[in-house]
C-alpha atoms as a PDB file:
ATOM      1  CA  MET A   1       0.000   0.000   0.000  1.00  0.00           C
ATOM      2  CA  LYS A   2       1.245   3.493  -0.836  1.00  0.00           C
ATOM      3  CA  THR A   3       2.078   5.860   1.996  1.00  0.00           C
ATOM      4  CA  PHE A   4       1.891   9.638   2.065  1.00  0.00           C
ATOM      5  CA  ASP A   5       5.287  11.106   1.127  1.00  0.00           C
ATOM      6  CA  PRO A   6       5.767  14.814   2.001  1.00  0.00           C
ATOM      7  CA  ALA A   7       8.897  15.122  -0.167  1.00  0.00           C
ATOM      8  CA  ARG A   8       7.111  13.706  -3.199  1.00  0.00           C
ATOM      9  CA  LYS A   9       4.118  15.923  -2.501  1.00  0.00           C
ATOM     10  CA  ARG A  10       6.423  18.971  -2.564  1.00  0.00           C
ATOM     11  CA  GLU A  11       7.720  17.923  -5.969  1.00  0.00           C
ATOM     12  CA  LEU A  12       4.192  17.584  -7.335  1.00  0.00           C
ATOM     13  CA  LEU A  13       3.109  20.955  -5.943  1.00  0.00           C
ATOM     14  CA  LEU A  14       6.102  22.631  -7.614  1.00  0.00           C
ATOM     15  CA  ASP A  15       5.222  21.007 -10.929  1.00  0.00           C
ATOM     16  CA  SER A  16       3.359  22.995 -13.566  1.00  0.00           C
ATOM     17  CA  CYS A  17       0.042  21.425 -12.525  1.00  0.00           C
ATOM     18  CA  GLY A  18       0.418  22.398  -8.871  1.00  0.00           C
ATOM     19  CA  ILE A  19       0.799  25.780  -7.186  1.00  0.00           C
ATOM     20  CA  ASP A  20       1.523  27.737 -10.366  1.00  0.00           C
ATOM     21  CA  LEU A  21      -1.606  26.453 -12.091  1.00  0.00           C
ATOM     22  CA  CYS A  22      -3.748  27.603  -9.162  1.00  0.00           C
ATOM     23  CA  LEU A  23      -2.216  31.074  -9.106  1.00  0.00           C
ATOM     24  CA  THR A  24      -2.257  31.675 -12.875  1.00  0.00           C
ATOM     25  CA  GLN A  25      -5.759  30.405 -13.602  1.00  0.00           C
ATOM     26  CA  SER A  26      -7.877  32.918 -15.534  1.00  0.00           C
ATOM     27  CA  PHE A  27     -10.720  34.420 -13.499  1.00  0.00           C
ATOM     28  CA  ALA A  28     -12.607  35.550 -16.617  1.00  0.00           C
ATOM     29  CA  GLU A  29     -12.424  32.179 -18.348  1.00  0.00           C
ATOM     30  CA  THR A  30     -13.311  30.283 -15.187  1.00  0.00           C
ATOM     31  CA  GLN A  31     -16.292  32.550 -14.549  1.00  0.00           C
ATOM     32  CA  ARG A  32     -17.416  32.202 -18.180  1.00  0.00           C
ATOM     33  CA  VAL A  33     -17.823  28.438 -17.761  1.00  0.00           C
ATOM     34  CA  GLY A  34     -19.410  28.688 -14.313  1.00  0.00           C
ATOM     35  CA  GLY A  35     -16.401  27.200 -12.561  1.00  0.00           C
ATOM     36  CA  LEU A  36     -15.495  29.675  -9.821  1.00  0.00           C
ATOM     37  CA  ALA A  37     -16.876  27.611  -6.940  1.00  0.00           C
ATOM     38  CA  SER A  38     -15.482  24.312  -8.197  1.00  0.00           C
ATOM     39  CA  SER A  39     -12.115  25.994  -8.692  1.00  0.00           C
ATOM     40  CA  ALA A  40     -12.258  27.189  -5.081  1.00  0.00           C
ATOM     41  CA  ASP A  41     -12.881  23.599  -3.968  1.00  0.00           C
ATOM     42  CA  THR A  42      -9.829  22.437  -5.892  1.00  0.00           C
ATOM     43  CA  ASP A  43      -7.772  25.318  -4.537  1.00  0.00           C
ATOM     44  CA  LEU A  44      -8.652  24.389  -0.959  1.00  0.00           C
ATOM     45  CA  ASP A  45      -7.312  20.887  -1.514  1.00  0.00           C
ATOM     46  CA  VAL A  46      -4.054  22.451  -2.730  1.00  0.00           C
ATOM     47  CA  VAL A  47      -4.007  24.757   0.312  1.00  0.00           C
ATOM     48  CA  ILE A  48      -4.212  21.766   2.661  1.00  0.00           C
ATOM     49  CA  GLN A  49      -1.431  20.023   0.744  1.00  0.00           C
ATOM     50  CA  CYS A  50       0.745  23.143   0.999  1.00  0.00           C
ATOM     51  CA  LEU A  51       0.172  23.381   4.754  1.00  0.00           C
ATOM     52  CA  LEU A  52       1.046  19.717   5.188  1.00  0.00           C
ATOM     53  CA  VAL A  53       4.414  20.090   3.460  1.00  0.00           C
ATOM     54  CA  GLY A  54       5.455  23.541   4.668  1.00  0.00           C
ATOM     55  CA  PHE A  55       4.578  25.737   1.684  1.00  0.00           C
ATOM     56  CA  ASP A  56       2.879  28.293   3.931  1.00  0.00           C
ATOM     57  CA  GLU A  57       3.321  31.341   1.659  1.00  0.00           C
ATOM     58  CA  ALA A  58       1.732  29.585  -1.300  1.00  0.00           C
ATOM     59  CA  ALA A  59      -1.076  28.338   0.940  1.00  0.00           C
ATOM     60  CA  LYS A  60      -1.957  31.907   1.948  1.00  0.00           C
ATOM     61  CA  LYS A  61      -2.022  33.142  -1.647  1.00  0.00           C
ATOM     62  CA  ILE A  62      -4.165  30.286  -2.922  1.00  0.00           C
ATOM     63  CA  LEU A  63      -6.505  30.473   0.073  1.00  0.00           C
ATOM     64  CA  LYS A  64      -7.165  34.169  -0.509  1.00  0.00           C
ATOM     65  CA  LYS A  65      -7.875  33.462  -4.193  1.00  0.00           C
ATOM     66  CA  ALA A  66     -10.259  30.620  -3.299  1.00  0.00           C
ATOM     67  CA  TYR A  67     -12.126  32.851  -0.845  1.00  0.00           C
ATOM     68  CA  ASP A  68     -12.468  35.709  -3.346  1.00  0.00           C
ATOM     69  CA  TRP A  69     -13.662  33.475  -6.178  1.00  0.00           C
ATOM     70  CA  LEU A  70     -16.114  31.662  -3.932  1.00  0.00           C
ATOM     71  CA  GLN A  71     -17.614  34.953  -2.763  1.00  0.00           C
ATOM     72  CA  VAL A  72     -18.247  35.930  -6.386  1.00  0.00           C
ATOM     73  CA  ALA A  73     -19.802  32.524  -7.126  1.00  0.00           C
ATOM     74  CA  ILE A  74     -22.169  32.896  -4.166  1.00  0.00           C
ATOM     75  CA  SER A  75     -23.093  36.534  -4.777  1.00  0.00           C
ATOM     76  CA  THR A  76     -23.806  35.931  -8.485  1.00  0.00           C
ATOM     77  CA  GLU A  77     -25.592  32.607  -7.854  1.00  0.00           C
ATOM     78  CA  GLU A  78     -23.243  30.924 -10.289  1.00  0.00           C
ATOM     79  CA  LYS A  79     -24.750  27.996 -12.190  1.00  0.00           C
ATOM     80  CA  PRO A  80     -22.128  25.375 -13.087  1.00  0.00           C
ATOM     81  CA  ARG A  81     -22.590  22.868 -15.882  1.00  0.00           C
ATOM     82  CA  HIS A  82     -23.607  20.173 -13.402  1.00  0.00           C
ATOM     83  CA  TYR A  83     -25.914  22.140 -11.134  1.00  0.00           C
ATOM     84  CA  ALA A  84     -27.923  20.474  -8.373  1.00  0.00           C
ATOM     85  CA  GLN A  85     -30.526  22.651  -6.679  1.00  0.00           C
ATOM     86  CA  ASP A  86     -29.510  23.188  -3.031  1.00  0.00           C
ATOM     87  CA  GLY A  87     -26.762  20.574  -3.275  1.00  0.00           C
ATOM     88  CA  THR A  88     -24.558  23.035  -5.148  1.00  0.00           C
ATOM     89  CA  GLU A  89     -25.340  25.775  -2.635  1.00  0.00           C
ATOM     90  CA  ALA A  90     -24.684  23.445   0.294  1.00  0.00           C
ATOM     91  CA  GLN A  91     -21.230  22.635  -1.037  1.00  0.00           C
ATOM     92  CA  ARG A  92     -20.422  26.323  -1.469  1.00  0.00           C
ATOM     93  CA  PHE A  93     -21.333  27.251   2.083  1.00  0.00           C
ATOM     94  CA  GLN A  94     -19.388  24.289   3.449  1.00  0.00           C
ATOM     95  CA  THR A  95     -16.365  25.364   1.413  1.00  0.00           C
ATOM     96  CA  LEU A  96     -16.761  28.960   2.587  1.00  0.00           C
ATOM     97  CA  SER A  97     -16.860  27.847   6.222  1.00  0.00           C
ATOM     98  CA  LEU A  98     -13.596  25.949   5.708  1.00  0.00           C
ATOM     99  CA  CYS A  99     -12.048  28.994   4.004  1.00  0.00           C
ATOM    100  CA  ASN A 100     -13.003  31.202   6.934  1.00  0.00           C
ATOM    101  CA  TRP A 101     -11.584  28.689   9.396  1.00  0.00           C
ATOM    102  CA  LEU A 102      -8.242  28.564   7.617  1.00  0.00           C
ATOM    103  CA  LEU A 103      -8.139  32.338   6.992  1.00  0.00           C
ATOM    104  CA  GLU A 104      -9.390  33.692  10.301  1.00  0.00           C
ATOM    105  CA  GLY A 105      -9.356  30.804  12.746  1.00  0.00           C
ATOM    106  CA  VAL A 106     -13.113  31.068  13.335  1.00  0.00           C
ATOM    107  CA  HIS A 107     -15.840  28.468  13.656  1.00  0.00           C
ATOM    108  CA  ASP A 108     -18.131  29.799  10.937  1.00  0.00           C
ATOM    109  CA  MET A 109     -21.454  28.631  12.333  1.00  0.00           C
ATOM    110  CA  LYS A 110     -23.448  30.949  10.058  1.00  0.00           C
ATOM    111  CA  ASN A 111     -22.264  29.249   6.880  1.00  0.00           C
ATOM    112  CA  LEU A 112     -22.301  25.791   8.457  1.00  0.00           C
ATOM    113  CA  GLN A 113     -25.980  26.308   9.267  1.00  0.00           C
ATOM    114  CA  ARG A 114     -26.555  27.459   5.696  1.00  0.00           C
ATOM    115  CA  PHE A 115     -24.923  24.231   4.575  1.00  0.00           C
ATOM    116  CA  VAL A 116     -27.312  22.176   6.719  1.00  0.00           C
ATOM    117  CA  ALA A 117     -30.396  24.030   5.468  1.00  0.00           C
ATOM    118  CA  HIS A 118     -29.492  23.558   1.804  1.00  0.00           C
ATOM    119  CA  GLU A 119     -28.219  19.998   2.249  1.00  0.00           C
ATOM    120  CA  ASP A 120     -31.439  18.939   3.979  1.00  0.00           C
ATOM    121  CA  ARG A 121     -33.495  20.263   1.069  1.00  0.00           C
ATOM    122  CA  PHE A 122     -31.169  18.602  -1.417  1.00  0.00           C
ATOM    123  CA  LEU A 123     -31.356  15.232   0.348  1.00  0.00           C
ATOM    124  CA  VAL A 124     -35.162  15.275   0.294  1.00  0.00           C
ATOM    125  CA  ALA A 125     -35.518  16.484  -3.299  1.00  0.00           C
ATOM    126  CA  SER A 126     -32.903  14.091  -4.665  1.00  0.00           C
ATOM    127  CA  GLY A 127     -34.105  11.068  -2.733  1.00  0.00           C
ATOM    128  CA  LEU A 128     -30.665  10.661  -1.171  1.00  0.00           C
ATOM    129  CA  SER A 129     -31.747  11.184   2.427  1.00  0.00           C
ATOM    130  CA  LYS A 130     -31.415   7.444   3.049  1.00  0.00           C
ATOM    131  CA  ASP A 131     -28.553   6.714   0.665  1.00  0.00           C
ATOM    132  CA  LYS A 132     -25.767   5.183   2.735  1.00  0.00           C
ATOM    133  CA  VAL A 133     -22.945   6.550   0.588  1.00  0.00           C
ATOM    134  CA  GLU A 134     -24.293  10.105   0.606  1.00  0.00           C
ATOM    135  CA  ILE A 135     -25.002  10.108   4.344  1.00  0.00           C
ATOM    136  CA  ALA A 136     -21.618   8.629   5.161  1.00  0.00           C
ATOM    137  CA  LEU A 137     -19.921  11.373   3.129  1.00  0.00           C
ATOM    138  CA  ILE A 138     -21.727  14.361   4.636  1.00  0.00           C
ATOM    139  CA  SER A 139     -22.515  13.297   8.215  1.00  0.00           C
ATOM    140  CA  HIS A 140     -19.338  14.811   9.662  1.00  0.00           C
ATOM    141  CA  ASN A 141     -20.342  18.209   8.245  1.00  0.00           C
ATOM    142  CA  TYR A 142     -23.600  18.013  10.205  1.00  0.00           C
ATOM    143  CA  LEU A 143     -21.542  17.203  13.293  1.00  0.00           C
ATOM    144  CA  ASP A 144     -19.290  20.207  12.681  1.00  0.00           C
ATOM    145  CA  ALA A 145     -22.379  22.399  12.274  1.00  0.00           C
ATOM    146  CA  GLY A 146     -23.722  21.269  15.631  1.00  0.00           C
ATOM    147  CA  ALA A 147     -26.725  19.574  14.001  1.00  0.00           C
ATOM    148  CA  LEU A 148     -26.253  16.562  16.248  1.00  0.00           C
ATOM    149  CA  GLU A 149     -29.822  15.295  16.423  1.00  0.00           C
ATOM    150  CA  ARG A 150     -30.215  15.632  12.649  1.00  0.00           C
ATOM    151  CA  ALA A 151     -26.966  13.744  12.045  1.00  0.00           C
ATOM    152  CA  LEU A 152     -28.170  10.910  14.291  1.00  0.00           C
ATOM    153  CA  GLU A 153     -31.522  10.862  12.519  1.00  0.00           C
ATOM    154  CA  LEU A 154     -29.909  10.571   9.095  1.00  0.00           C
ATOM    155  CA  ILE A 155     -27.522   7.829  10.205  1.00  0.00           C
ATOM    156  CA  THR A 156     -30.028   5.704  12.122  1.00  0.00           C
ATOM    157  CA  LYS A 157     -32.661   5.872   9.363  1.00  0.00           C
ATOM    158  CA  THR A 158     -30.290   4.929   6.566  1.00  0.00           C
ATOM    159  CA  ARG A 159     -30.392   1.265   5.665  1.00  0.00           C
ATOM    160  CA  GLY A 160     -26.960  -0.301   5.348  1.00  0.00           C
ATOM    161  CA  LEU A 161     -25.199   1.956   7.837  1.00  0.00           C
ATOM    162  CA  SER A 162     -24.363  -0.313  10.746  1.00  0.00           C
ATOM    163  CA  LEU A 163     -24.234   1.275  14.185  1.00  0.00           C
ATOM    164  CA  PRO A 164     -21.206   0.521  16.403  1.00  0.00           C
ATOM    165  CA  GLU A 165     -21.995  -1.390  19.578  1.00  0.00           C
ATOM    166  CA  GLU A 166     -18.544  -0.751  21.038  1.00  0.00           C
ATOM    167  CA  LEU A 167     -15.923   1.920  20.469  1.00  0.00           C
ATOM    168  CA  THR A 168     -13.601  -0.782  19.163  1.00  0.00           C
ATOM    169  CA  SER A 169     -16.058  -1.566  16.351  1.00  0.00           C
ATOM    170  CA  ILE A 170     -15.851   1.871  14.664  1.00  0.00           C
ATOM    171  CA  ARG A 171     -14.821   1.350  11.052  1.00  0.00           C
ATOM    172  CA  ASN A 172     -16.177   4.280   9.050  1.00  0.00           C
ATOM    173  CA  GLU A 173     -16.981   7.980   9.245  1.00  0.00           C
ATOM    174  CA  ALA A 174     -20.703   7.607   9.845  1.00  0.00           C
ATOM    175  CA  GLN A 175     -20.017   5.358  12.835  1.00  0.00           C
ATOM    176  CA  MET A 176     -17.535   7.866  14.261  1.00  0.00           C
ATOM    177  CA  VAL A 177     -20.040  10.688  13.766  1.00  0.00           C
ATOM    178  CA  TYR A 178     -22.737   8.580  15.468  1.00  0.00           C
ATOM    179  CA  VAL A 179     -20.534   8.023  18.522  1.00  0.00           C
ATOM    180  CA  LEU A 180     -19.426  11.677  18.740  1.00  0.00           C
ATOM    181  CA  CYS A 181     -22.976  13.004  18.417  1.00  0.00           C
ATOM    182  CA  ARG A 182     -24.290  10.693  21.120  1.00  0.00           C
ATOM    183  CA  HIS A 183     -21.383  11.606  23.386  1.00  0.00           C
ATOM    184  CA  ARG A 184     -21.944  15.343  22.956  1.00  0.00           C
ATOM    185  CA  LEU A 185     -25.642  14.884  23.666  1.00  0.00           C
ATOM    186  CA  GLY A 186     -24.915  12.859  26.814  1.00  0.00           C
ATOM    187  CA  LEU A 187     -26.548   9.727  25.433  1.00  0.00           C
ATOM    188  CA  ASP A 188     -23.746   7.238  26.147  1.00  0.00           C
ATOM    189  CA  HIS A 189     -21.569   6.000  28.994  1.00  0.00           C
ATOM    190  CA  TRP A 190     -18.140   6.443  27.420  1.00  0.00           C
ATOM    191  CA  SER A 191     -15.509   8.445  29.271  1.00  0.00           C
ATOM    192  CA  ASP A 192     -13.624  11.268  27.539  1.00  0.00           C
ATOM    193  CA  ALA A 193     -10.455   9.153  27.686  1.00  0.00           C
ATOM    194  CA  GLU A 194     -12.157   6.185  26.030  1.00  0.00           C
ATOM    195  CA  LEU A 195     -13.562   8.408  23.331  1.00  0.00           C
ATOM    196  CA  GLN A 196     -10.168  10.002  22.688  1.00  0.00           C
ATOM    197  CA  THR A 197      -8.626   6.579  22.181  1.00  0.00           C
ATOM    198  CA  ALA A 198     -11.378   5.683  19.727  1.00  0.00           C
ATOM    199  CA  GLU A 199     -10.841   8.948  17.822  1.00  0.00           C
ATOM    200  CA  GLU A 200      -7.102   8.349  17.566  1.00  0.00           C
ATOM    201  CA  LYS A 201      -7.557   4.800  16.290  1.00  0.00           C
ATOM    202  CA  PHE A 202     -10.158   5.943  13.752  1.00  0.00           C
ATOM    203  CA  LEU A 203      -7.929   8.715  12.407  1.00  0.00           C
ATOM    204  CA  THR A 204      -4.888   6.452  12.213  1.00  0.00           C
ATOM    205  CA  ARG A 205      -6.959   3.948  10.253  1.00  0.00           C
ATOM    206  CA  LYS A 206      -8.212   6.581   7.818  1.00  0.00           C
ATOM    207  CA  MET A 207      -5.554   9.296   7.442  1.00  0.00           C
ATOM    208  CA  ASN A 208      -3.125   7.739   4.984  1.00  0.00           C
ATOM    209  CA  GLY A 209      -5.950   6.637   2.708  1.00  0.00           C
ATOM    210  CA  TRP A 210      -7.498  10.102   2.691  1.00  0.00           C
ATOM    211  CA  LEU A 211      -4.218  11.750   1.737  1.00  0.00           C
ATOM    212  CA  ILE A 212      -3.224   9.140  -0.844  1.00  0.00           C
ATOM    213  CA  ASP A 213      -6.671   9.274  -2.474  1.00  0.00           C
ATOM    214  CA  GLY A 214      -6.689  13.073  -2.604  1.00  0.00           C
ATOM    215  CA  HIS A 215      -9.290  13.740   0.105  1.00  0.00           C
ATOM    216  CA  PHE A 216      -7.303  16.587   1.656  1.00  0.00           C
ATOM    217  CA  GLY A 217     -10.317  18.726   2.498  1.00  0.00           C
ATOM    218  CA  ARG A 218     -11.967  15.807   4.293  1.00  0.00           C
ATOM    219  CA  ALA A 219      -8.815  15.181   6.310  1.00  0.00           C
ATOM    220  CA  ALA A 220      -8.695  18.866   7.305  1.00  0.00           C
ATOM    221  CA  GLU A 221     -12.369  18.858   8.299  1.00  0.00           C
ATOM    222  CA  TRP A 222     -11.779  15.911  10.609  1.00  0.00           C
ATOM    223  CA  MET A 223      -8.707  17.582  12.106  1.00  0.00           C
ATOM    224  CA  LYS A 224     -10.891  20.619  12.793  1.00  0.00           C
ATOM    225  CA  ILE A 225     -13.553  18.485  14.484  1.00  0.00           C
ATOM    226  CA  ILE A 226     -11.265  16.283  16.564  1.00  0.00           C
ATOM    227  CA  TYR A 227      -8.386  18.605  17.427  1.00  0.00           C
ATOM    228  CA  TRP A 228      -9.435  22.231  16.977  1.00  0.00           C
ATOM    229  CA  LYS A 229     -12.703  21.730  18.892  1.00  0.00           C
ATOM    230  CA  GLU A 230     -14.401  24.950  17.758  1.00  0.00           C
ATOM    231  CA  GLY A 231     -11.322  26.914  18.834  1.00  0.00           C
ATOM    232  CA  LYS A 232     -11.336  25.657  22.424  1.00  0.00           C
ATOM    233  CA  ALA A 233      -8.181  23.528  22.118  1.00  0.00           C
ATOM    234  CA  GLY A 234      -5.760  26.441  21.772  1.00  0.00           C
ATOM    235  CA  LEU A 235      -4.491  25.371  18.349  1.00  0.00           C
ATOM    236  CA  SER A 236      -4.268  27.424  15.179  1.00  0.00           C
ATOM    237  CA  PRO A 237      -5.918  25.947  12.076  1.00  0.00           C
ATOM    238  CA  LYS A 238      -2.492  25.103  10.665  1.00  0.00           C
ATOM    239  CA  GLU A 239      -1.493  23.336  13.893  1.00  0.00           C
ATOM    240  CA  ALA A 240      -4.722  21.360  13.755  1.00  0.00           C
ATOM    241  CA  VAL A 241      -4.078  20.359  10.123  1.00  0.00           C
ATOM    242  CA  LEU A 242      -0.559  19.215  11.016  1.00  0.00           C
ATOM    243  CA  LYS A 243      -1.994  16.894  13.661  1.00  0.00           C
ATOM    244  CA  ALA A 244      -2.573  14.630  10.662  1.00  0.00           C
ATOM    245  CA  TYR A 245       1.030  13.513  11.114  1.00  0.00           C
ATOM    246  CA  ASP A 246       0.090  12.032  14.498  1.00  0.00           C
ATOM    247  CA  HIS A 247      -1.776   9.459  12.427  1.00  0.00           C
ATOM    248  CA  LEU A 248       0.902   8.786   9.827  1.00  0.00           C
ATOM    249  CA  PRO A 249       3.320   6.376  11.526  1.00  0.00           C
ATOM    250  CA  GLY A 250       6.937   7.035  10.576  1.00  0.00           C
ATOM    251  CA  CYS A 251       6.109  10.296   8.806  1.00  0.00           C
ATOM    252  CA  SER A 252       6.970  13.785  10.079  1.00  0.00           C
ATOM    253  CA  PRO A 253       6.078  17.266   8.796  1.00  0.00           C
ATOM    254  CA  PRO A 254       8.932  18.915   6.863  1.00  0.00           C
ATOM    255  CA  GLU A 255      10.274  22.316   7.855  1.00  0.00           C
ATOM    256  CA  PRO A 256       8.404  25.235   6.240  1.00  0.00           C
ATOM    257  CA  ILE A 257      10.180  26.715   3.232  1.00  0.00           C
ATOM    258  CA  SER A 258       9.448  29.398   0.679  1.00  0.00           C
ATOM    259  CA  GLN A 259       7.842  28.191  -2.529  1.00  0.00           C
ATOM    260  CA  ASP A 260      10.775  29.735  -4.379  1.00  0.00           C
ATOM    261  CA  SER A 261      13.418  27.947  -2.264  1.00  0.00           C
END
């Protein structure tokens, strides 16, 4: 199985399809094809990669571009080629909340709640409210938004999503969300220490796969949930992102360097 390689990731980011492509992309052409929001999504993945390998200056530049383009997409109600009523809007507000976290170190509840409102409408209209793949993919965003009861409702009513009977039986994101929601609502008997152990095992099981498969935004969202704790843990967003290395055995974050070094 492949393992995440920070040195190799640096090489790829310095290639023509990495940082430079993000920073030289044409705003006018991207807007013409309705791609501002999707470009911002892609940019955020590159931002997380840059933070993971110490390209902090490039991360700041790309993050600011992603934020600006996303604001235009939202204000103009951009319609991409593959538009899904409410689903498209939900994704934008989720992306904006992540931008604001990385830019300002804030828990952007306003846009997280907008995400939930649009996503709920999308799930009903699309018939995906009981689709196990869809619910597994978005349940952690409901958790981050504080929509704990709604997250539990979606998970428990979705056929095919098994519920963990013990902390040691957690195998997927929906199960981890289920446990965390119940714990925050005071509906279980687990101690904080037991839950922390379960979180660490879950992240260690998932982290390398997320990074190898290109799910950098998802990895960052989980680092925000588990380690940043709505700003109460005393970590900066970058420090929270770098906690990913706690779950990559034998792998350490490289020293920050300038993109031009």
